[in-house]
Structures are given as C-alpha cells and as structure tokens.
C-alpha atoms as a PDB file:
ATOM      1  CA  MET A   1     -17.835  12.030   5.517  1.00  0.00           C
ATOM      2  CA  GLN A   2     -17.390  15.633   6.434  1.00  0.00           C
ATOM      3  CA  VAL A   3     -19.289  16.941   9.424  1.00  0.00           C
ATOM      4  CA  TYR A   4     -21.574  19.789   8.409  1.00  0.00           C
ATOM      5  CA  GLY A   5     -20.620  23.189   9.726  1.00  0.00           C
ATOM      6  CA  ALA A   6     -19.386  26.652   8.941  1.00  0.00           C
ATOM      7  CA  GLY A   7     -15.781  25.441   8.594  1.00  0.00           C
ATOM      8  CA  GLN A   8     -14.649  26.656   5.187  1.00  0.00           C
ATOM      9  CA  TRP A   9     -16.899  29.717   5.241  1.00  0.00           C
ATOM     10  CA  LEU A  10     -15.304  30.922   8.501  1.00  0.00           C
ATOM     11  CA  GLU A  11     -11.834  30.367   7.081  1.00  0.00           C
ATOM     12  CA  GLU A  12     -12.583  32.313   3.909  1.00  0.00           C
ATOM     13  CA  LYS A  13     -14.505  35.138   5.588  1.00  0.00           C
ATOM     14  CA  HIS A  14     -12.505  35.717   8.760  1.00  0.00           C
ATOM     15  CA  GLY A  15      -9.325  33.714   8.324  1.00  0.00           C
ATOM     16  CA  ALA A  16     -10.213  31.762  11.454  1.00  0.00           C
ATOM     17  CA  LYS A  17      -9.055  28.201  11.840  1.00  0.00           C
ATOM     18  CA  SER A  18     -11.903  25.768  12.242  1.00  0.00           C
ATOM     19  CA  ARG A  19     -11.828  22.279  13.636  1.00  0.00           C
ATOM     20  CA  ARG A  20     -12.827  20.162  10.703  1.00  0.00           C
ATOM     21  CA  GLY A  21     -14.478  16.975  11.737  1.00  0.00           C
ATOM     22  CA  TRP A  22     -14.532  13.792   9.738  1.00  0.00           C
ATOM     23  CA  ARG A  23     -16.299  10.513  10.176  1.00  0.00           C
ATOM     24  CA  LYS A  24     -15.477   7.177   8.584  1.00  0.00           C
ATOM     25  CA  LEU A  25     -18.280   5.193   7.037  1.00  0.00           C
ATOM     26  CA  HIS A  26     -17.621   1.440   6.913  1.00  0.00           C
ATOM     27  CA  LEU A  27     -19.979  -0.537   4.670  1.00  0.00           C
ATOM     28  CA  ALA A  28     -20.653  -4.220   4.093  1.00  0.00           C
ATOM     29  CA  LEU A  29     -22.387  -5.072   0.845  1.00  0.00           C
ATOM     30  CA  ASP A  30     -24.083  -8.088  -0.607  1.00  0.00           C
ATOM     31  CA  ALA A  31     -22.050  -8.495  -3.794  1.00  0.00           C
ATOM     32  CA  ASP A  32     -24.917 -10.137  -5.684  1.00  0.00           C
ATOM     33  CA  SER A  33     -27.610  -7.547  -5.011  1.00  0.00           C
ATOM     34  CA  GLY A  34     -25.516  -4.465  -4.203  1.00  0.00           C
ATOM     35  CA  ASP A  35     -27.518  -3.860  -1.008  1.00  0.00           C
ATOM     36  CA  ILE A  36     -25.830  -2.342   2.010  1.00  0.00           C
ATOM     37  CA  ILE A  37     -26.265  -5.068   4.617  1.00  0.00           C
ATOM     38  CA  ALA A  38     -24.239  -3.479   7.432  1.00  0.00           C
ATOM     39  CA  HIS A  39     -22.766  -0.105   8.208  1.00  0.00           C
ATOM     40  CA  VAL A  40     -20.746   1.474  10.985  1.00  0.00           C
ATOM     41  CA  MET A  41     -19.781   5.110  11.309  1.00  0.00           C
ATOM     42  CA  THR A  42     -16.791   5.968  13.473  1.00  0.00           C
ATOM     43  CA  HIS A  43     -14.576   8.880  14.393  1.00  0.00           C
ATOM     44  CA  GLN A  44     -11.618   9.564  12.095  1.00  0.00           C
ATOM     45  CA  GLU A  45      -9.046   8.054  14.475  1.00  0.00           C
ATOM     46  CA  VAL A  46     -10.597   4.569  14.549  1.00  0.00           C
ATOM     47  CA  GLY A  47      -8.775   1.920  12.519  1.00  0.00           C
ATOM     48  CA  ASP A  48     -10.531   0.014   9.755  1.00  0.00           C
ATOM     49  CA  THR A  49      -9.714  -3.481  11.005  1.00  0.00           C
ATOM     50  CA  SER A  50     -11.341  -2.821  14.371  1.00  0.00           C
ATOM     51  CA  GLN A  51     -14.714  -2.417  12.647  1.00  0.00           C
ATOM     52  CA  VAL A  52     -14.874  -5.847  10.979  1.00  0.00           C
ATOM     53  CA  GLY A  53     -16.448  -7.409  14.075  1.00  0.00           C
ATOM     54  CA  PRO A  54     -19.171  -4.739  14.492  1.00  0.00           C
ATOM     55  CA  LEU A  55     -20.021  -5.017  10.783  1.00  0.00           C
ATOM     56  CA  LEU A  56     -20.271  -8.806  10.949  1.00  0.00           C
ATOM     57  CA  ASP A  57     -22.399  -8.588  14.112  1.00  0.00           C
ATOM     58  CA  GLN A  58     -25.103  -6.878  12.023  1.00  0.00           C
ATOM     59  CA  ILE A  59     -25.240  -9.799   9.570  1.00  0.00           C
ATOM     60  CA  ASP A  60     -27.429 -12.688  10.738  1.00  0.00           C
ATOM     61  CA  THR A  61     -26.688 -15.189   7.987  1.00  0.00           C
ATOM     62  CA  PRO A  62     -23.354 -16.884   7.287  1.00  0.00           C
ATOM     63  CA  ILE A  63     -21.295 -15.218   4.587  1.00  0.00           C
ATOM     64  CA  VAL A  64     -19.688 -17.063   1.697  1.00  0.00           C
ATOM     65  CA  GLN A  65     -16.896 -14.631   0.869  1.00  0.00           C
ATOM     66  CA  PHE A  66     -15.407 -11.651   2.694  1.00  0.00           C
ATOM     67  CA  THR A  67     -13.535  -9.356   0.313  1.00  0.00           C
ATOM     68  CA  ALA A  68     -11.664  -6.251   1.460  1.00  0.00           C
ATOM     69  CA  ASP A  69      -8.707  -4.121   0.454  1.00  0.00           C
ATOM     70  CA  GLY A  70      -5.183  -4.482   1.779  1.00  0.00           C
ATOM     71  CA  ALA A  71      -5.835  -2.206   4.776  1.00  0.00           C
ATOM     72  CA  TYR A  72      -7.721  -5.127   6.352  1.00  0.00           C
ATOM     73  CA  ASP A  73      -4.828  -7.589   5.950  1.00  0.00           C
ATOM     74  CA  GLY A  74      -3.998  -9.177   9.280  1.00  0.00           C
ATOM     75  CA  GLU A  75      -4.947 -11.876  11.736  1.00  0.00           C
ATOM     76  CA  PRO A  76      -7.659  -9.848  13.541  1.00  0.00           C
ATOM     77  CA  THR A  77      -9.696  -9.651  10.339  1.00  0.00           C
ATOM     78  CA  TYR A  78      -9.258 -13.335   9.496  1.00  0.00           C
ATOM     79  CA  ASP A  79     -10.170 -14.273  13.076  1.00  0.00           C
ATOM     80  CA  ALA A  80     -13.312 -12.099  13.108  1.00  0.00           C
ATOM     81  CA  VAL A  81     -14.548 -13.541   9.814  1.00  0.00           C
ATOM     82  CA  THR A  82     -13.791 -17.109  10.907  1.00  0.00           C
ATOM     83  CA  ARG A  83     -15.711 -16.583  14.172  1.00  0.00           C
ATOM     84  CA  HIS A  84     -18.731 -15.315  12.232  1.00  0.00           C
ATOM     85  CA  SER A  85     -18.635 -17.758   9.311  1.00  0.00           C
ATOM     86  CA  PRO A  86     -16.107 -20.598   9.685  1.00  0.00           C
ATOM     87  CA  ASP A  87     -16.401 -21.691   6.040  1.00  0.00           C
ATOM     88  CA  ALA A  88     -16.138 -18.197   4.521  1.00  0.00           C
ATOM     89  CA  ALA A  89     -13.439 -17.446   1.989  1.00  0.00           C
ATOM     90  CA  VAL A  90     -11.426 -14.410   3.078  1.00  0.00           C
ATOM     91  CA  VAL A  91     -10.061 -12.514   0.077  1.00  0.00           C
ATOM     92  CA  ILE A  92      -7.692  -9.760   1.155  1.00  0.00           C
ATOM     93  CA  PRO A  93      -4.528  -8.967  -0.797  1.00  0.00           C
ATOM     94  CA  PRO A  94      -1.514  -9.450   1.465  1.00  0.00           C
ATOM     95  CA  ARG A  95       1.080  -6.713   1.639  1.00  0.00           C
ATOM     96  CA  ALA A  96       3.781  -6.785  -1.028  1.00  0.00           C
ATOM     97  CA  ASN A  97       6.414  -7.818   1.506  1.00  0.00           C
ATOM     98  CA  ALA A  98       4.223 -10.433   3.250  1.00  0.00           C
ATOM     99  CA  LEU A  99       5.789 -13.778   4.095  1.00  0.00           C
ATOM    100  CA  GLU A 100       4.155 -17.117   4.728  1.00  0.00           C
ATOM    101  CA  ARG A 101       4.183 -18.119   8.370  1.00  0.00           C
ATOM    102  CA  GLU A 102       5.767 -21.527   8.655  1.00  0.00           C
ATOM    103  CA  HIS A 103       4.213 -22.439  12.004  1.00  0.00           C
ATOM    104  CA  ASP A 104       0.668 -21.807  10.770  1.00  0.00           C
ATOM    105  CA  ASP A 105      -1.828 -24.363   9.589  1.00  0.00           C
ATOM    106  CA  PRO A 106      -1.297 -25.234   5.890  1.00  0.00           C
ATOM    107  CA  LYS A 107      -4.980 -24.429   5.330  1.00  0.00           C
ATOM    108  CA  ASN A 108      -4.358 -20.851   6.473  1.00  0.00           C
ATOM    109  CA  GLN A 109      -6.035 -18.693   3.809  1.00  0.00           C
ATOM    110  CA  ARG A 110      -3.534 -15.869   4.077  1.00  0.00           C
ATOM    111  CA  ASN A 111      -0.619 -18.240   3.458  1.00  0.00           C
ATOM    112  CA  GLN A 112      -2.482 -19.677   0.465  1.00  0.00           C
ATOM    113  CA  HIS A 113      -2.942 -16.174  -0.947  1.00  0.00           C
ATOM    114  CA  ILE A 114       0.741 -15.354  -0.491  1.00  0.00           C
ATOM    115  CA  ALA A 115       1.774 -18.613  -2.162  1.00  0.00           C
ATOM    116  CA  ALA A 116      -0.608 -18.051  -5.091  1.00  0.00           C
ATOM    117  CA  ILE A 117       0.643 -14.495  -5.629  1.00  0.00           C
ATOM    118  CA  ASN A 118       4.276 -15.630  -5.465  1.00  0.00           C
ATOM    119  CA  ALA A 119       3.596 -18.438  -7.954  1.00  0.00           C
ATOM    120  CA  ASP A 120       1.305 -16.760 -10.490  1.00  0.00           C
ATOM    121  CA  GLY A 121       1.367 -13.022  -9.787  1.00  0.00           C
ATOM    122  CA  ARG A 122      -1.128 -10.630  -8.260  1.00  0.00           C
ATOM    123  CA  MET A 123      -3.325 -10.204 -11.349  1.00  0.00           C
ATOM    124  CA  LYS A 124      -3.958 -13.937 -11.742  1.00  0.00           C
ATOM    125  CA  TRP A 125      -4.666 -14.152  -8.009  1.00  0.00           C
ATOM    126  CA  GLN A 126      -7.243 -11.366  -8.336  1.00  0.00           C
ATOM    127  CA  ILE A 127      -8.990 -13.200 -11.165  1.00  0.00           C
ATOM    128  CA  ALA A 128      -8.865 -16.578  -9.398  1.00  0.00           C
ATOM    129  CA  THR A 129     -10.305 -15.211  -6.137  1.00  0.00           C
ATOM    130  CA  ASN A 130     -12.874 -12.893  -7.756  1.00  0.00           C
ATOM    131  CA  TYR A 131     -11.254  -9.944  -5.982  1.00  0.00           C
ATOM    132  CA  GLY A 132     -12.778  -7.559  -8.531  1.00  0.00           C
ATOM    133  CA  LYS A 133     -16.086  -7.624  -6.619  1.00  0.00           C
ATOM    134  CA  ARG A 134     -14.448  -5.322  -4.076  1.00  0.00           C
ATOM    135  CA  SER A 135     -15.057  -2.480  -6.502  1.00  0.00           C
ATOM    136  CA  LEU A 136     -18.774  -2.766  -5.690  1.00  0.00           C
ATOM    137  CA  VAL A 137     -18.067  -1.178  -2.311  1.00  0.00           C
ATOM    138  CA  GLU A 138     -16.312   1.735  -4.003  1.00  0.00           C
ATOM    139  CA  THR A 139     -19.341   2.083  -6.272  1.00  0.00           C
ATOM    140  CA  ALA A 140     -21.650   2.097  -3.244  1.00  0.00           C
ATOM    141  CA  ILE A 141     -19.561   4.805  -1.566  1.00  0.00           C
ATOM    142  CA  GLY A 142     -19.689   6.839  -4.779  1.00  0.00           C
ATOM    143  CA  ARG A 143     -23.459   6.309  -4.979  1.00  0.00           C
ATOM    144  CA  TYR A 144     -23.833   7.399  -1.353  1.00  0.00           C
ATOM    145  CA  LYS A 145     -21.777  10.558  -1.882  1.00  0.00           C
ATOM    146  CA  SER A 146     -23.485  11.524  -5.141  1.00  0.00           C
ATOM    147  CA  ILE A 147     -27.070  10.926  -3.972  1.00  0.00           C
ATOM    148  CA  ILE A 148     -26.950  11.636  -0.234  1.00  0.00           C
ATOM    149  CA  GLY A 149     -23.932  13.930  -0.198  1.00  0.00           C
ATOM    150  CA  ARG A 150     -20.463  14.116   1.310  1.00  0.00           C
ATOM    151  CA  ARG A 151     -21.536  15.882   4.481  1.00  0.00           C
ATOM    152  CA  LEU A 152     -23.371  14.925   7.620  1.00  0.00           C
ATOM    153  CA  ARG A 153     -25.976  17.465   8.609  1.00  0.00           C
ATOM    154  CA  ALA A 154     -26.581  16.316  12.177  1.00  0.00           C
ATOM    155  CA  ARG A 155     -24.351  17.722  14.891  1.00  0.00           C
ATOM    156  CA  SER A 156     -24.281  15.046  17.602  1.00  0.00           C
ATOM    157  CA  PHE A 157     -22.607  11.709  16.984  1.00  0.00           C
ATOM    158  CA  ALA A 158     -25.764   9.731  17.830  1.00  0.00           C
ATOM    159  CA  ALA A 159     -27.824  11.813  15.401  1.00  0.00           C
ATOM    160  CA  GLN A 160     -25.134  11.360  12.744  1.00  0.00           C
ATOM    161  CA  GLN A 161     -25.338   7.588  13.181  1.00  0.00           C
ATOM    162  CA  THR A 162     -29.110   7.796  12.724  1.00  0.00           C
ATOM    163  CA  GLU A 163     -28.622   9.959   9.631  1.00  0.00           C
ATOM    164  CA  VAL A 164     -26.285   7.361   8.123  1.00  0.00           C
ATOM    165  CA  ALA A 165     -28.685   4.500   8.956  1.00  0.00           C
ATOM    166  CA  ILE A 166     -31.570   6.306   7.254  1.00  0.00           C
ATOM    167  CA  SER A 167     -29.383   7.165   4.263  1.00  0.00           C
ATOM    168  CA  CYS A 168     -28.335   3.518   3.816  1.00  0.00           C
ATOM    169  CA  ALA A 169     -31.979   2.397   3.999  1.00  0.00           C
ATOM    170  CA  VAL A 170     -32.934   5.022   1.393  1.00  0.00           C
ATOM    171  CA  LEU A 171     -30.153   3.884  -0.957  1.00  0.00           C
ATOM    172  CA  ASN A 172     -31.220   0.251  -0.605  1.00  0.00           C
ATOM    173  CA  ARG A 173     -34.831   1.209  -1.364  1.00  0.00           C
ATOM    174  CA  MET A 174     -33.780   3.242  -4.408  1.00  0.00           C
ATOM    175  CA  LEU A 175     -31.612   0.387  -5.666  1.00  0.00           C
ATOM    176  CA  ALA A 176     -34.472  -2.084  -5.216  1.00  0.00           C
ATOM    177  CA  CYS A 177     -36.815   0.158  -7.188  1.00  0.00           C
ATOM    178  CA  ALA A 178     -34.404   0.387 -10.120  1.00  0.00           C
ATOM    179  CA  ARG A 179     -33.363  -3.275 -10.146  1.00  0.00           C
ATOM    180  CA  PRO A 180     -35.070  -5.185 -12.951  1.00  0.00           C
ATOM    181  CA  ARG A 181     -36.844  -8.406 -12.113  1.00  0.00           C
ATOM    182  CA  SER A 182     -36.181 -10.582 -15.093  1.00  0.00           C
ATOM    183  CA  VAL A 183     -37.043 -14.203 -15.628  1.00  0.00           C
ATOM    184  CA  ARG A 184     -35.487 -16.399 -18.239  1.00  0.00           C
ATOM    185  CA  CYS A 185     -38.136 -17.862 -20.501  1.00  0.00           C
ATOM    186  CA  LYS A 186     -37.671 -20.924 -22.560  1.00  0.00           C
ATOM    187  CA  THR A 187     -38.787 -20.302 -26.095  1.00  0.00           C
ATOM    188  CA  VAL A 188     -40.336 -23.038 -28.150  1.00  0.00           C
ATOM    189  CA  THR A 189     -39.370 -23.095 -31.800  1.00  0.00           C
ATOM    190  CA  ALA A 190     -41.567 -24.908 -34.252  1.00  0.00           C
END
C-alpha cells in the first residue's frame, strides 16, 4: 500500500526527491467464504514471517489448514501455527534447495512436503495439498486494491491501521451481500 501524499506530483513539478512510504498489508482469509478474518499492516521493513503470530492471535477458532507462499517457509511459521492449532495442516512450498532434516520428528510436516515433492514433483504436491487455495489471498488483495484503492489516505500510522480495519470490514460486508445463499432441493419425479 502506498502512503498518500504529494510524492510523484512534487517530483514531476519541481524535480524534488520525496520520501515514498509503503506499508505491507498481511491478510488471513477463510478459504471457504473468502472473508478476511485477520489483517495486520506493518512498515515496509518488517518481514512476512514475523506477522504470522499476530495474524493468528486475531483468530479465535482453531484452523484446519494454513496455506502460504514460499516466503513463509521456515520453522518460525510452523511453530506459530502449531501453537495456535496443533492439528492444523501447514501447506507452504519449501525452497527448491530444501533438504529434509534427519534429526526431526518423522511427522514433521515440512519434511513430508519435501519428500512428496522429491518423489512426485511440485505440481502433484500442489494438487495433493490443495495449495491452489492460496490464490484466494491474491484475489482478495486484488479486490482490496480495485475497490478501496492502492493508497492509504491517513497520515499517521495509527490512523492508517484504522483505515485498513474499516476497509477490510467494508470488503467483507460487500462480499456477504453478493454471496448467494443457495439450498439444494431434492426434486421428486413422478
């Protein structure tokens, strides 16, 4: 997210260098409904893996599956998810050069992912683990940017966090309004 300001206008008009500010928006989605169930906005220097805990702290119920991209690969992420929901499946593609750790527990999910990729290939692993649901987060980010915008209008960090919280609530409300409520009916044929 780009912080709102005169930035580009000053550069074009006066040739002055502006300090462009960026914020990272981290989202957690319910894959079944598409609702944003947790969000954290941070400064641009903050690493992605450090925000797994704060995202999970906003979720009251146990999760079934945690799916993320390869940037989240590592023990801190697996540990944070296991602390929140011990039975959750963690689906994160390991790095291409990742090796199984021999001293780890054989039930270690990361080792199982590495073994499955080495045996069957990455595409079959993606299908087997339902990794394709990760694209829902990319869709939510695209929805956020197209409806709310790419810029933050508030100037202070606290106000920007409030702006993001309101924006996420608005997107959830809009999604709920457009979601059909269908019920399967059993037809009787005579």
